[in-house]
């Protein structure tokens, strides 16, 4: 199984990721790790983590940011809180890939942590443009950190290519949150109005408006007040529902929330919701006559419901959009005129004309790309040096490992041209044919210590890999060198140290605080009790027991020792000793 981690920080982003999460969750070879952060965990933003839980996703980690305010300083403190916790959380899991969407600052933190941990990043919706927010810079930064790019439209792909992003890692899949809209089945109007506590009026305007993060506090305050004053002046204002979905956790969002609250208090036709579930949000769009604001939703989703969008200001400036989206400046008269034009004139257009976004089952396609491109192409390619009996044991272990870990045994090298195949694993050539190909990992499959030593010295520049049978039990406090083989049934306990190129064979027991030197061979069913040091190049025969009777310290087994099968070792040995029986 490969652990695919998704991090979500907001209601809107979760809605776009939900179907993809389902696909990963239900896949046979992928395991979904879900980390939740940001506004999901904040009461003032609706505690939207509840929606995730109701959708029956297992949340592996909740990463609190303590979003205490909306000033730049307060947001940066929240980001630092997130980074500290996330740095700790990432050490708890073996994450094979991180999938993140978009351009939020909490997602930037996740990307930074993954980058430092060298975890491949798959970025959704990169290459989009939002000139009026620092989200644009964040999105581009994440794209530069990412390895895989799942983009929404052709222009986004072009933008990434112009950023010198590797073309063969850019996949045009559309937005994974759009496909389910095609199958949306609305509630009846009466049940929907009752559920949302809305009074039926002639018209409904849905408003999603956020701060423009490249503007000052005063500018954002003035802009929301201008927008509200425009709503106040439209014809038939009192016969029109103005329905706000409140702002996200951007700079100066509190001023927008206060202005909406004040507007609502003075008018019974004005409503506001901290957050709504995705299906309720779709119903709001469905039963609205017009979408107003500066949310990407007005560009992505609203046209699919055949509704017009009036996009206010520069927050979404430069984003690809269709014919049904009209961009307006902060001019009250212009806003009033355009609202009334849509509400009164029933303008008819082809809503899909020039709509740039790809509509298909993006979630399935993303999962297939991850499996076919990332997993298959990132399998560790392993070759064994030697084709004899010990090599076959390693092949068996690798066959077991391949069921759980993605590694590919490509063959073995042996000087014997007549060396027989085993499990259809082919001979690749002579040992002298091996070169320092950094795309291949090697393990020595020769049991004789002198022969092993000559090969290890000769091939010092190749990539050595440890092969550990999945049935072995190894404490996470054990230190392992490189080129080590540990066979089935082996137990290695706390703070043991196994140095480079050792063989620990079947059903051996290595107890706590044992140190085993370079290129040692521990035969099957050996027991080494605690506080024993074994020096380099030593062979320990089948069934041998080494017991430390020195309560004051270690016993030492010398370099280049040969301990015959069935020996019982109770004392330290000198170098170059051959021992049989009790010592």
Protein backbone atom coordinates (compact mmCIF):
# COMPACT_ATOMS: atom_id res chain seq x y z
CA UNK A 1 0.00 0.00 0.00
CA UNK A 2 1.11 3.54 -0.76
CA UNK A 3 0.18 6.27 1.71
CA UNK A 4 -1.37 9.22 -0.10
CA UNK A 5 -1.82 12.17 2.23
CA UNK A 6 -4.41 14.88 1.56
CA UNK A 7 -4.45 18.08 3.61
CA UNK A 8 -7.54 20.26 3.66
CA UNK A 9 -7.90 23.60 5.38
CA UNK A 10 -11.23 25.12 4.28
CA UNK A 11 -14.83 24.26 3.43
CA UNK A 12 -14.50 25.29 -0.21
CA UNK A 13 -11.34 23.31 -0.86
CA UNK A 14 -12.77 20.20 0.85
CA UNK A 15 -15.73 20.32 -1.51
CA UNK A 16 -13.35 20.11 -4.46
CA UNK A 17 -11.29 17.31 -2.90
CA UNK A 18 -14.13 15.15 -1.62
CA UNK A 19 -14.61 12.91 -4.66
CA UNK A 20 -10.87 12.43 -5.04
CA UNK A 21 -10.65 11.40 -1.39
CA UNK A 22 -13.35 8.79 -2.00
CA UNK A 23 -11.44 7.38 -4.97
CA UNK A 24 -8.24 7.05 -2.97
CA UNK A 25 -10.06 5.61 0.03
CA UNK A 26 -11.67 2.89 -2.09
CA UNK A 27 -8.55 1.98 -4.09
CA UNK A 28 -6.91 -1.39 -3.50
CA UNK A 29 -3.28 -0.22 -3.46
CA UNK A 30 -3.64 3.33 -2.10
CA UNK A 31 -4.16 4.27 1.52
CA UNK A 32 -5.70 7.65 2.33
CA UNK A 33 -4.12 9.71 5.10
CA UNK A 34 -6.22 12.76 5.91
CA UNK A 35 -4.89 15.78 7.80
CA UNK A 36 -7.33 18.57 8.65
CA UNK A 37 -6.28 22.11 9.52
CA UNK A 38 -7.23 25.77 9.03
CA UNK A 39 -10.79 27.04 9.34
CA UNK A 40 -12.15 23.47 9.54
CA UNK A 41 -11.18 23.46 13.22
CA UNK A 42 -12.39 26.94 14.15
CA UNK A 43 -15.80 27.57 15.69
CA UNK A 44 -16.14 31.04 14.21
CA UNK A 45 -15.83 29.54 10.72
CA UNK A 46 -18.42 26.86 11.37
CA UNK A 47 -16.31 23.93 12.64
CA UNK A 48 -16.58 22.41 9.18
CA UNK A 49 -14.54 19.39 10.27
CA UNK A 50 -17.97 17.99 11.29
CA UNK A 51 -18.93 17.77 7.62
CA UNK A 52 -15.83 15.69 6.91
CA UNK A 53 -16.65 13.36 9.80
CA UNK A 54 -20.26 13.00 8.62
CA UNK A 55 -18.89 11.91 5.25
CA UNK A 56 -17.25 8.99 7.10
CA UNK A 57 -13.64 9.90 6.38
CA UNK A 58 -11.10 8.88 9.01
CA UNK A 59 -9.17 11.99 10.05
CA UNK A 60 -5.66 10.93 10.96
CA UNK A 61 -4.55 14.29 12.33
CA UNK A 62 -6.15 17.59 13.34
CA UNK A 63 -3.58 20.35 13.06
CA UNK A 64 -4.72 23.42 14.94
CA UNK A 65 -3.50 26.83 13.78
CA UNK A 66 -5.21 29.00 16.42
CA UNK A 67 -6.60 31.51 13.93
CA UNK A 68 -6.83 34.29 16.46
CA UNK A 69 -7.07 37.29 14.16
CA UNK A 70 -6.93 38.64 10.63
CA UNK A 71 -3.98 41.03 10.70
CA UNK A 72 -0.86 40.01 8.74
CA UNK A 73 1.02 39.46 12.00
CA UNK A 74 -1.72 37.26 13.47
CA UNK A 75 -1.97 35.18 10.30
CA UNK A 76 1.81 34.65 10.27
CA UNK A 77 1.70 33.50 13.90
CA UNK A 78 -1.04 31.03 12.96
CA UNK A 79 1.08 29.76 10.07
CA UNK A 80 4.05 29.26 12.39
CA UNK A 81 1.83 27.28 14.78
CA UNK A 82 0.73 25.11 11.89
CA UNK A 83 4.28 24.52 10.67
CA UNK A 84 5.53 23.50 14.11
CA UNK A 85 2.75 20.95 14.59
CA UNK A 86 2.91 19.70 11.01
CA UNK A 87 6.67 19.15 11.26
CA UNK A 88 6.02 16.84 14.21
CA UNK A 89 3.05 15.10 12.60
CA UNK A 90 4.91 14.26 9.39
CA UNK A 91 7.45 12.20 11.36
CA UNK A 92 4.68 9.86 12.55
CA UNK A 93 3.73 8.63 9.08
CA UNK A 94 5.39 7.10 6.07
CA UNK A 95 3.92 9.50 3.49
CA UNK A 96 4.54 8.51 -0.13
CA UNK A 97 2.79 11.50 -1.71
CA UNK A 98 1.10 14.69 -0.55
CA UNK A 99 -1.90 15.98 -2.51
CA UNK A 100 -2.89 19.61 -1.98
CA UNK A 101 -5.19 21.98 -3.81
CA UNK A 102 -4.93 25.63 -4.59
CA UNK A 103 -3.48 28.68 -3.03
CA UNK A 104 -4.27 29.11 0.66
CA UNK A 105 -1.56 30.07 3.16
CA UNK A 106 -2.25 26.98 5.29
CA UNK A 107 -1.63 24.87 2.18
CA UNK A 108 1.62 26.75 1.53
CA UNK A 109 2.82 25.63 4.96
CA UNK A 110 1.97 22.01 4.13
CA UNK A 111 3.93 22.24 0.88
CA UNK A 112 6.96 23.71 2.65
CA UNK A 113 6.99 20.91 5.22
CA UNK A 114 6.65 18.22 2.53
CA UNK A 115 9.45 19.82 0.51
CA UNK A 116 11.87 19.70 3.44
CA UNK A 117 10.88 16.10 4.18
CA UNK A 118 11.42 15.25 0.49
CA UNK A 119 7.84 14.04 0.07
CA UNK A 120 6.59 14.31 -3.55
CA UNK A 121 3.80 16.89 -3.91
CA UNK A 122 0.86 16.62 -6.30
CA UNK A 123 -0.70 20.05 -6.79
CA UNK A 124 -4.25 20.58 -8.00
CA UNK A 125 -5.37 23.76 -9.77
CA UNK A 126 -1.89 25.13 -10.33
CA UNK A 127 -1.37 27.57 -13.19
CA UNK A 128 -4.62 29.44 -12.46
CA UNK A 129 -4.32 33.20 -12.11
CA UNK A 130 -5.69 35.53 -9.42
CA UNK A 131 -3.96 38.84 -9.84
CA UNK A 132 -5.75 40.63 -6.99
CA UNK A 133 -4.64 38.40 -4.12
CA UNK A 134 -1.42 37.06 -2.69
CA UNK A 135 -3.00 33.68 -3.37
CA UNK A 136 -1.48 34.01 -6.85
CA UNK A 137 2.07 34.08 -5.49
CA UNK A 138 1.28 31.25 -3.07
CA UNK A 139 -0.15 29.09 -5.85
CA UNK A 140 2.91 29.65 -8.05
CA UNK A 141 5.23 28.90 -5.14
CA UNK A 142 3.49 25.59 -4.51
CA UNK A 143 3.72 24.76 -8.21
CA UNK A 144 7.49 25.22 -8.10
CA UNK A 145 7.66 22.86 -5.12
CA UNK A 146 5.40 20.22 -6.66
CA UNK A 147 6.36 17.19 -8.74
CA UNK A 148 2.94 16.46 -10.25
CA UNK A 149 0.49 19.05 -11.56
CA UNK A 150 -3.22 18.41 -12.15
CA UNK A 151 -4.56 21.46 -13.96
CA UNK A 152 -8.04 22.69 -14.76
CA UNK A 153 -7.70 24.14 -18.26
CA UNK A 154 -5.37 24.70 -21.22
CA UNK A 155 -4.33 28.21 -20.19
CA UNK A 156 -3.29 26.94 -16.76
CA UNK A 157 -1.13 24.29 -18.39
CA UNK A 158 0.47 26.94 -20.59
CA UNK A 159 1.14 29.12 -17.55
CA UNK A 160 2.97 26.27 -15.82
CA UNK A 161 5.03 25.51 -18.91
CA UNK A 162 6.01 29.18 -19.03
CA UNK A 163 7.18 28.78 -15.41
CA UNK A 164 9.57 26.05 -16.65
CA UNK A 165 7.52 23.28 -15.05
CA UNK A 166 8.30 19.86 -16.53
CA UNK A 167 5.73 19.32 -19.28
CA UNK A 168 5.35 15.55 -18.87
CA UNK A 169 4.31 16.05 -15.24
CA UNK A 170 1.45 18.42 -16.10
CA UNK A 171 -1.87 16.62 -16.54
CA UNK A 172 -4.97 18.35 -17.91
CA UNK A 173 -7.71 16.78 -15.81
CA UNK A 174 -10.14 19.61 -15.02
CA UNK A 175 -11.35 20.52 -11.56
CA UNK A 176 -12.21 17.42 -9.47
CA UNK A 177 -15.07 19.29 -7.82
CA UNK A 178 -17.02 19.99 -11.01
CA UNK A 179 -18.03 16.57 -12.29
CA UNK A 180 -20.60 15.88 -9.57
CA UNK A 181 -22.48 19.07 -10.52
CA UNK A 182 -23.58 17.37 -13.74
CA UNK A 183 -25.54 14.88 -11.64
CA UNK A 184 -26.84 17.38 -9.09
CA UNK A 185 -30.42 16.75 -8.04
CA UNK A 186 -31.87 19.82 -6.32
CA UNK A 187 -34.21 19.78 -3.36
CA UNK A 188 -37.73 21.02 -3.90
CA UNK A 189 -37.94 24.76 -3.44
CA UNK A 190 -40.20 24.55 -0.40
CA UNK A 191 -38.02 22.02 1.44
CA UNK A 192 -34.91 23.99 0.59
CA UNK A 193 -36.39 27.28 1.85
CA UNK A 194 -37.50 25.59 5.05
CA UNK A 195 -34.13 23.99 5.63
CA UNK A 196 -32.26 27.28 5.17
CA UNK A 197 -34.95 29.37 6.97
CA UNK A 198 -35.39 31.58 3.93
CA UNK A 199 -38.53 33.53 3.06
CA UNK A 200 -39.64 33.17 -0.54
CA UNK A 201 -39.25 36.44 -2.46
CA UNK A 202 -39.24 37.45 -6.11
CA UNK A 203 -35.50 37.13 -6.61
CA UNK A 204 -32.46 35.64 -4.88
CA UNK A 205 -28.92 36.99 -5.09
CA UNK A 206 -26.14 34.77 -3.74
CA UNK A 207 -23.06 36.67 -2.53
CA UNK A 208 -19.63 35.24 -1.74
CA UNK A 209 -17.21 38.06 -1.11
CA UNK A 210 -13.68 37.92 0.36
CA UNK A 211 -11.06 40.53 1.13
CA UNK A 212 -8.54 41.49 -1.52
CA UNK A 213 -5.32 40.57 0.22
CA UNK A 214 -3.16 42.94 -1.81
CA UNK A 215 -5.19 45.91 -0.58
CA UNK A 216 -5.05 47.73 2.74
CA UNK A 217 -7.43 47.40 5.66
CA UNK A 218 -9.15 50.68 4.80
CA UNK A 219 -9.52 49.77 1.14
CA UNK A 220 -11.16 46.44 1.99
CA UNK A 221 -13.49 48.15 4.45
CA UNK A 222 -14.51 50.74 1.85
CA UNK A 223 -15.05 48.10 -0.85
CA UNK A 224 -17.48 45.96 1.15
CA UNK A 225 -19.40 49.07 2.24
CA UNK A 226 -19.66 50.17 -1.40
CA UNK A 227 -20.96 46.76 -2.45
CA UNK A 228 -23.58 46.74 0.30
CA UNK A 229 -24.68 50.25 -0.59
CA UNK A 230 -25.21 49.05 -4.17
CA UNK A 231 -27.51 46.24 -2.96
CA UNK A 232 -29.48 48.82 -0.96
CA UNK A 233 -30.15 50.87 -4.09
CA UNK A 234 -31.36 48.19 -6.48
CA UNK A 235 -34.97 48.33 -7.61
CA UNK A 236 -37.25 46.00 -5.68
CA UNK A 237 -34.58 45.56 -3.01
CA UNK A 238 -37.12 44.48 -0.40
CA UNK A 239 -38.53 41.82 -2.71
CA UNK A 240 -35.08 40.35 -3.25
CA UNK A 241 -33.23 37.96 -0.93
CA UNK A 242 -29.56 38.89 -0.50
CA UNK A 243 -27.83 35.71 0.75
CA UNK A 244 -24.23 35.92 1.96
CA UNK A 245 -21.81 33.06 2.51
CA UNK A 246 -19.34 34.64 4.89
CA UNK A 247 -15.69 35.23 4.18
CA UNK A 248 -12.72 32.94 4.65
CA UNK A 249 -9.77 33.55 6.99
CA UNK A 250 -7.94 36.17 4.93
CA UNK A 251 -6.47 39.51 5.97
CA UNK A 252 -9.07 41.94 7.29
CA UNK A 253 -11.95 39.49 6.93
CA UNK A 254 -13.47 40.76 10.20
CA UNK A 255 -14.38 44.08 8.58
CA UNK A 256 -16.31 42.25 5.90
CA UNK A 257 -18.10 40.09 8.47
CA UNK A 258 -19.05 43.16 10.55
CA UNK A 259 -20.40 44.98 7.51
CA UNK A 260 -22.50 41.96 6.51
CA UNK A 261 -23.81 41.60 10.06
CA UNK A 262 -24.81 45.26 10.20
CA UNK A 263 -26.53 44.98 6.81
CA UNK A 264 -28.40 41.88 7.93
CA UNK A 265 -29.56 43.43 11.22
CA UNK A 266 -31.30 46.24 9.38
CA UNK A 267 -33.01 44.16 6.70
CA UNK A 268 -35.12 41.01 7.03
CA UNK A 269 -34.39 40.09 3.41
CA UNK A 270 -30.64 39.80 4.07
CA UNK A 271 -29.23 36.45 5.24
CA UNK A 272 -25.76 35.23 6.10
CA UNK A 273 -24.30 31.79 6.67
CA UNK A 274 -20.92 31.12 8.27
CA UNK A 275 -20.65 27.99 6.17
CA UNK A 276 -22.92 25.57 4.36
CA UNK A 277 -22.58 21.97 3.27
CA UNK A 278 -21.70 21.44 -0.37
CA UNK A 279 -25.16 20.14 -1.34
CA UNK A 280 -26.83 23.12 0.36
CA UNK A 281 -24.42 25.44 -1.42
CA UNK A 282 -25.40 23.93 -4.76
CA UNK A 283 -29.07 24.43 -3.88
CA UNK A 284 -28.34 28.07 -3.09
CA UNK A 285 -26.79 28.51 -6.53
CA UNK A 286 -29.63 26.58 -8.19
CA UNK A 287 -32.36 28.77 -6.64
CA UNK A 288 -30.47 32.04 -7.06
CA UNK A 289 -30.99 34.38 -9.97
CA UNK A 290 -27.52 35.89 -9.82
CA UNK A 291 -24.12 35.29 -8.19
CA UNK A 292 -22.21 38.36 -6.97
CA UNK A 293 -18.79 38.56 -5.30
CA UNK A 294 -15.19 37.65 -5.93
CA UNK A 295 -15.04 33.92 -5.24
CA UNK A 296 -13.61 31.42 -7.70
CA UNK A 297 -16.89 29.57 -7.31
CA UNK A 298 -18.54 32.19 -9.49
CA UNK A 299 -16.14 31.26 -12.26
CA UNK A 300 -15.84 27.49 -11.76
CA UNK A 301 -19.22 26.24 -10.58
CA UNK A 302 -21.90 28.87 -11.07
CA UNK A 303 -21.88 28.75 -14.92
CA UNK A 304 -22.67 25.03 -14.77
CA UNK A 305 -25.98 25.96 -13.10
CA UNK A 306 -26.66 28.40 -15.98
CA UNK A 307 -26.40 31.45 -13.74
CA UNK A 308 -24.63 34.77 -14.31
CA UNK A 309 -21.69 35.90 -12.21
CA UNK A 310 -20.81 39.52 -11.48
CA UNK A 311 -17.20 39.36 -10.36
CA UNK A 312 -16.30 42.44 -8.31
CA UNK A 313 -12.77 43.84 -8.11
CA UNK A 314 -9.41 42.28 -8.91
CA UNK A 315 -9.23 39.28 -6.58
CA UNK A 316 -9.98 36.91 -9.47
CA UNK A 317 -8.26 39.10 -12.06
CA UNK A 318 -6.66 37.10 -14.86
CA UNK A 319 -8.46 33.84 -14.08
CA UNK A 320 -9.78 32.04 -17.14
CA UNK A 321 -13.56 32.36 -17.36
CA UNK A 322 -16.52 31.89 -19.66
CA UNK A 323 -18.98 34.29 -21.27
CA UNK A 324 -21.39 34.25 -18.30
CA UNK A 325 -18.87 36.00 -16.01
CA UNK A 326 -18.73 39.78 -16.10
CA UNK A 327 -15.94 41.67 -14.35
CA UNK A 328 -16.81 44.92 -12.57
CA UNK A 329 -14.80 47.57 -10.75
CA UNK A 330 -15.83 49.13 -7.45
CA UNK A 331 -18.28 51.52 -9.08
CA UNK A 332 -21.62 51.55 -7.30
CA UNK A 333 -23.69 52.72 -10.26
CA UNK A 334 -22.15 50.12 -12.54
CA UNK A 335 -22.81 47.34 -10.03
CA UNK A 336 -26.44 48.46 -9.60
CA UNK A 337 -27.01 48.61 -13.36
CA UNK A 338 -25.56 45.16 -14.00
CA UNK A 339 -27.53 43.56 -11.17
CA UNK A 340 -30.78 45.03 -12.47
CA UNK A 341 -29.93 44.11 -16.04
CA UNK A 342 -29.65 40.43 -15.07
CA UNK A 343 -32.65 40.37 -12.74
CA UNK A 344 -35.05 42.27 -14.98
CA UNK A 345 -34.12 41.38 -18.52
CA UNK A 346 -33.76 37.59 -18.40
CA UNK A 347 -30.71 37.66 -20.64
CA UNK A 348 -30.21 34.36 -22.43
CA UNK A 349 -26.80 33.07 -23.49
CA UNK A 350 -25.01 29.79 -24.03
CA UNK A 351 -23.50 29.42 -20.56
CA UNK A 352 -20.93 26.92 -21.75
CA UNK A 353 -19.65 29.18 -24.52
CA UNK A 354 -15.97 29.86 -23.90
CA UNK A 355 -16.19 27.99 -20.60
CA UNK A 356 -12.54 26.96 -20.24
CA UNK A 357 -12.64 24.21 -17.66
CA UNK A 358 -12.52 20.54 -18.46
CA UNK A 359 -15.55 18.64 -17.21
CA UNK A 360 -14.85 14.97 -16.67
CA UNK A 361 -14.38 12.45 -13.90
CA UNK A 362 -11.15 14.07 -12.78
CA UNK A 363 -10.89 12.11 -9.53
CA UNK A 364 -10.69 8.74 -11.28
CA UNK A 365 -8.20 10.11 -13.77
CA UNK A 366 -5.98 11.58 -11.04
CA UNK A 367 -5.91 8.27 -9.18
CA UNK A 368 -5.01 6.39 -12.38
CA UNK A 369 -2.18 8.84 -13.11
CA UNK A 370 -0.85 8.49 -9.56
CA UNK A 371 -0.85 4.69 -9.88
CA UNK A 372 0.52 4.47 -13.41
CA UNK A 373 3.02 7.32 -13.44
CA UNK A 374 4.08 7.92 -9.87
CA UNK A 375 3.89 4.47 -8.30
CA UNK A 376 4.94 2.30 -11.23
CA UNK A 377 7.68 4.65 -12.36
CA UNK A 378 8.94 5.12 -8.83
CA UNK A 379 9.31 1.48 -7.95
CA UNK A 380 12.75 0.79 -6.61
CA UNK A 381 14.54 -1.39 -9.18
CA UNK A 382 16.61 -4.00 -7.34
CA UNK A 383 19.31 -6.35 -8.57
CA UNK A 384 20.94 -9.15 -6.61
CA UNK A 385 24.67 -9.90 -6.79
CA UNK A 386 25.02 -13.68 -6.96
CA UNK A 387 22.70 -16.41 -8.17
CA UNK A 388 23.19 -19.24 -5.64
CA UNK A 389 21.24 -20.47 -2.65
CA UNK A 390 21.44 -17.30 -0.57
CA UNK A 391 20.36 -15.26 -3.59
CA UNK A 392 17.24 -17.42 -3.92
CA UNK A 393 16.40 -16.75 -0.26
CA UNK A 394 16.61 -13.01 -0.95
CA UNK A 395 14.41 -13.44 -4.04
CA UNK A 396 11.76 -15.12 -1.88
CA UNK A 397 11.90 -12.24 0.59
CA UNK A 398 11.62 -9.67 -2.20
CA UNK A 399 8.60 -11.47 -3.62
CA UNK A 400 6.90 -11.11 -0.24
CA UNK A 401 7.92 -7.47 0.01
CA UNK A 402 6.59 -6.68 -3.46
CA UNK A 403 3.07 -7.54 -2.27
CA UNK A 404 3.14 -4.58 0.11
CA UNK A 405 5.91 -2.28 -1.09
CA UNK A 406 6.46 -1.13 -4.62
CA UNK A 407 9.79 -2.54 -5.60
CA UNK A 408 10.78 -4.38 -8.74
CA UNK A 409 13.40 -7.13 -8.83
CA UNK A 410 15.01 -6.81 -12.25
CA UNK A 411 17.39 -9.80 -12.04
CA UNK A 412 20.74 -10.99 -10.69
CA UNK A 413 24.41 -10.86 -11.65
CA UNK A 414 26.59 -13.95 -11.51
CA UNK A 415 29.83 -14.96 -13.22
CA UNK A 416 28.40 -18.42 -13.93
CA UNK A 417 26.74 -18.12 -17.34
CA UNK A 418 24.86 -21.37 -16.67
CA UNK A 419 23.36 -20.12 -13.42
CA UNK A 420 19.71 -21.22 -13.39
CA UNK A 421 16.77 -18.87 -13.21
CA UNK A 422 14.61 -18.85 -10.10
CA UNK A 423 10.99 -17.63 -10.04
CA UNK A 424 11.56 -16.38 -13.62
CA UNK A 425 14.22 -13.94 -12.33
CA UNK A 426 16.87 -13.76 -15.06
CA UNK A 427 20.64 -13.44 -15.01
CA UNK A 428 21.65 -9.94 -16.15
CA UNK A 429 25.33 -10.57 -16.73
CA UNK A 430 28.65 -10.97 -14.94
CA UNK A 431 29.48 -9.13 -11.73
CA UNK A 432 31.98 -7.01 -13.68
CA UNK A 433 29.05 -5.75 -15.77
CA UNK A 434 27.62 -3.88 -12.77
CA UNK A 435 28.07 -0.11 -12.93
CA UNK A 436 27.08 2.80 -10.72
CA UNK A 437 23.60 3.13 -12.22
CA UNK A 438 21.87 5.29 -9.64
CA UNK A 439 18.45 4.07 -10.76
CA UNK A 440 19.21 0.54 -9.56
CA UNK A 441 19.67 -0.68 -5.97
CA UNK A 442 21.79 -3.73 -5.12
CA UNK A 443 21.94 -6.38 -2.41
CA UNK A 444 24.72 -8.97 -2.16
CA UNK A 445 23.30 -12.50 -2.40
CA UNK A 446 26.55 -14.33 -1.66
CA UNK A 447 26.93 -15.99 1.75
CA UNK A 448 30.71 -16.49 1.82
CA UNK A 449 32.19 -13.59 3.80
CA UNK A 450 35.51 -13.33 1.92
CA UNK A 451 33.77 -13.27 -1.46
CA UNK A 452 31.25 -10.75 -0.14
CA UNK A 453 34.07 -8.53 1.13
CA UNK A 454 35.85 -8.48 -2.24
CA UNK A 455 32.61 -7.57 -4.05
CA UNK A 456 31.65 -4.87 -1.52
CA UNK A 457 35.10 -3.25 -1.80
CA UNK A 458 35.04 -3.45 -5.59
CA UNK A 459 31.51 -1.99 -5.94
CA UNK A 460 31.69 0.73 -3.29
CA UNK A 461 30.01 3.36 -5.53
CA UNK A 462 26.72 1.56 -6.22
CA UNK A 463 23.42 2.03 -4.37
CA UNK A 464 23.08 -0.59 -1.65
CA UNK A 465 19.65 -1.42 -0.28
CA UNK A 466 18.44 -3.27 2.81
CA UNK A 467 16.09 -6.21 2.21
CA UNK A 468 14.02 -7.00 5.30
CA UNK A 469 11.50 -9.82 5.22
CA UNK A 470 8.03 -8.51 6.22
CA UNK A 471 7.61 -11.23 8.87
CA UNK A 472 10.62 -10.00 10.85
CA UNK A 473 10.09 -7.90 13.98
CA UNK A 474 12.45 -4.98 14.38
CA UNK A 475 12.27 -2.28 17.04
CA UNK A 476 12.06 1.25 15.66
CA UNK A 477 15.05 2.08 17.88
CA UNK A 478 17.30 -0.31 15.94
CA UNK A 479 19.99 1.31 13.83
CA UNK A 480 20.66 -0.28 10.45
CA UNK A 481 23.51 0.30 8.03
CA UNK A 482 23.26 -0.44 4.27
CA UNK A 483 23.22 -3.59 2.15
CA UNK A 484 21.75 -5.67 4.99
CA UNK A 485 19.59 -8.77 4.55
CA UNK A 486 17.23 -9.76 7.39
CA UNK A 487 15.26 -12.95 6.80
CA UNK A 488 11.90 -14.29 7.92
CA UNK A 489 11.10 -14.67 11.61
CA UNK A 490 14.02 -12.59 12.85
CA UNK A 491 13.58 -10.51 16.00
CA UNK A 492 15.82 -7.52 16.66
CA UNK A 493 15.18 -5.64 19.88
CA UNK A 494 15.80 -2.17 21.25
CA UNK A 495 18.88 -0.14 20.44
CA UNK A 496 20.65 -2.88 18.53
CA UNK A 497 23.02 -1.73 15.80
CA UNK A 498 23.47 -3.78 12.64
CA UNK A 499 26.28 -2.40 10.49
CA UNK A 500 26.74 -2.53 6.70
CA UNK A 501 26.34 -5.70 4.60
CA UNK A 502 25.34 -8.09 7.38
CA UNK A 503 23.22 -11.20 6.91
CA UNK A 504 20.76 -11.92 9.73
CA UNK A 505 19.23 -15.24 8.79
CA UNK A 506 16.00 -17.08 9.50
CA UNK A 507 14.51 -17.00 13.03
CA UNK A 508 17.52 -15.40 14.66
CA UNK A 509 17.09 -13.30 17.81
CA UNK A 510 19.21 -10.20 18.36
CA UNK A 511 18.51 -8.79 21.80
CA UNK A 512 18.78 -5.25 23.14
CA UNK A 513 22.00 -3.23 22.94
CA UNK A 514 23.74 -5.66 20.60
CA UNK A 515 26.21 -4.31 18.03
CA UNK A 516 27.06 -6.40 14.95
CA UNK A 517 30.00 -5.28 12.82
CA UNK A 518 30.43 -4.92 9.07
CA UNK A 519 29.92 -7.97 6.83
CA UNK A 520 28.94 -10.45 9.50
CA UNK A 521 26.87 -13.54 8.79
CA UNK A 522 24.40 -14.61 11.48
CA UNK A 523 23.11 -18.08 10.49
CA UNK A 524 19.54 -19.35 11.19
CA UNK A 525 18.22 -19.67 14.76
CA UNK A 526 21.12 -17.83 16.39
CA UNK A 527 20.39 -16.14 19.72
CA UNK A 528 22.50 -13.17 20.80
CA UNK A 529 21.55 -11.89 24.23
CA UNK A 530 21.84 -8.31 25.38
CA UNK A 531 25.03 -6.25 25.65
CA UNK A 532 27.10 -8.20 23.13
CA UNK A 533 29.45 -6.59 20.59
CA UNK A 534 30.40 -8.59 17.49
CA UNK A 535 33.22 -7.18 15.41
CA UNK A 536 33.60 -7.19 11.61
CA UNK A 537 33.75 -10.22 9.30
CA UNK A 538 32.49 -12.76 11.81
CA UNK A 539 30.45 -15.87 11.02
CA UNK A 540 28.09 -17.28 13.66
CA UNK A 541 26.82 -20.77 12.89
CA UNK A 542 23.31 -22.24 13.09
CA UNK A 543 21.77 -22.38 16.55
CA UNK A 544 24.69 -20.68 18.31
CA UNK A 545 23.90 -18.84 21.53
CA UNK A 546 25.90 -15.91 22.86
CA UNK A 547 25.07 -15.03 26.45
CA UNK A 548 26.60 -12.13 28.32
CA UNK A 549 27.39 -13.28 31.87
CA UNK A 550 29.39 -10.14 32.53
CA UNK A 551 26.88 -8.04 34.43
CA UNK A 552 29.21 -5.04 34.40
CA UNK A 553 29.48 -4.54 30.66
CA UNK A 554 29.61 -5.96 27.18
CA UNK A 555 31.25 -9.13 26.00
CA UNK A 556 33.13 -8.79 22.74
CA UNK A 557 33.33 -11.26 19.87
CA UNK A 558 36.54 -10.51 17.94
CA UNK A 559 37.08 -9.72 14.27
CA UNK A 560 37.06 -12.58 11.76
CA UNK A 561 35.75 -15.16 14.20
CA UNK A 562 34.18 -18.42 13.07
CA UNK A 563 31.73 -19.84 15.60
CA UNK A 564 30.63 -23.33 14.62
CA UNK A 565 27.00 -24.41 14.61
CA UNK A 566 25.52 -25.07 18.04
CA UNK A 567 28.22 -23.23 19.99
CA UNK A 568 27.58 -21.62 23.36
CA UNK A 569 29.60 -18.46 23.92
CA UNK A 570 29.79 -17.09 27.46
CA UNK A 571 32.96 -14.98 27.31
CA UNK A 572 34.72 -12.47 25.04
CA UNK A 573 36.87 -13.83 22.21
CA UNK A 574 40.02 -12.61 20.52
CA UNK A 575 40.37 -11.85 16.81
CA UNK A 576 40.69 -14.67 14.24
CA UNK A 577 39.33 -17.41 16.50
CA UNK A 578 37.54 -20.60 15.48
CA UNK A 579 35.31 -21.92 18.22
CA UNK A 580 33.28 -25.10 18.59
CA UNK A 581 31.17 -26.07 21.56
CA UNK A 582 31.22 -24.15 24.84
CA UNK A 583 33.54 -21.21 25.30
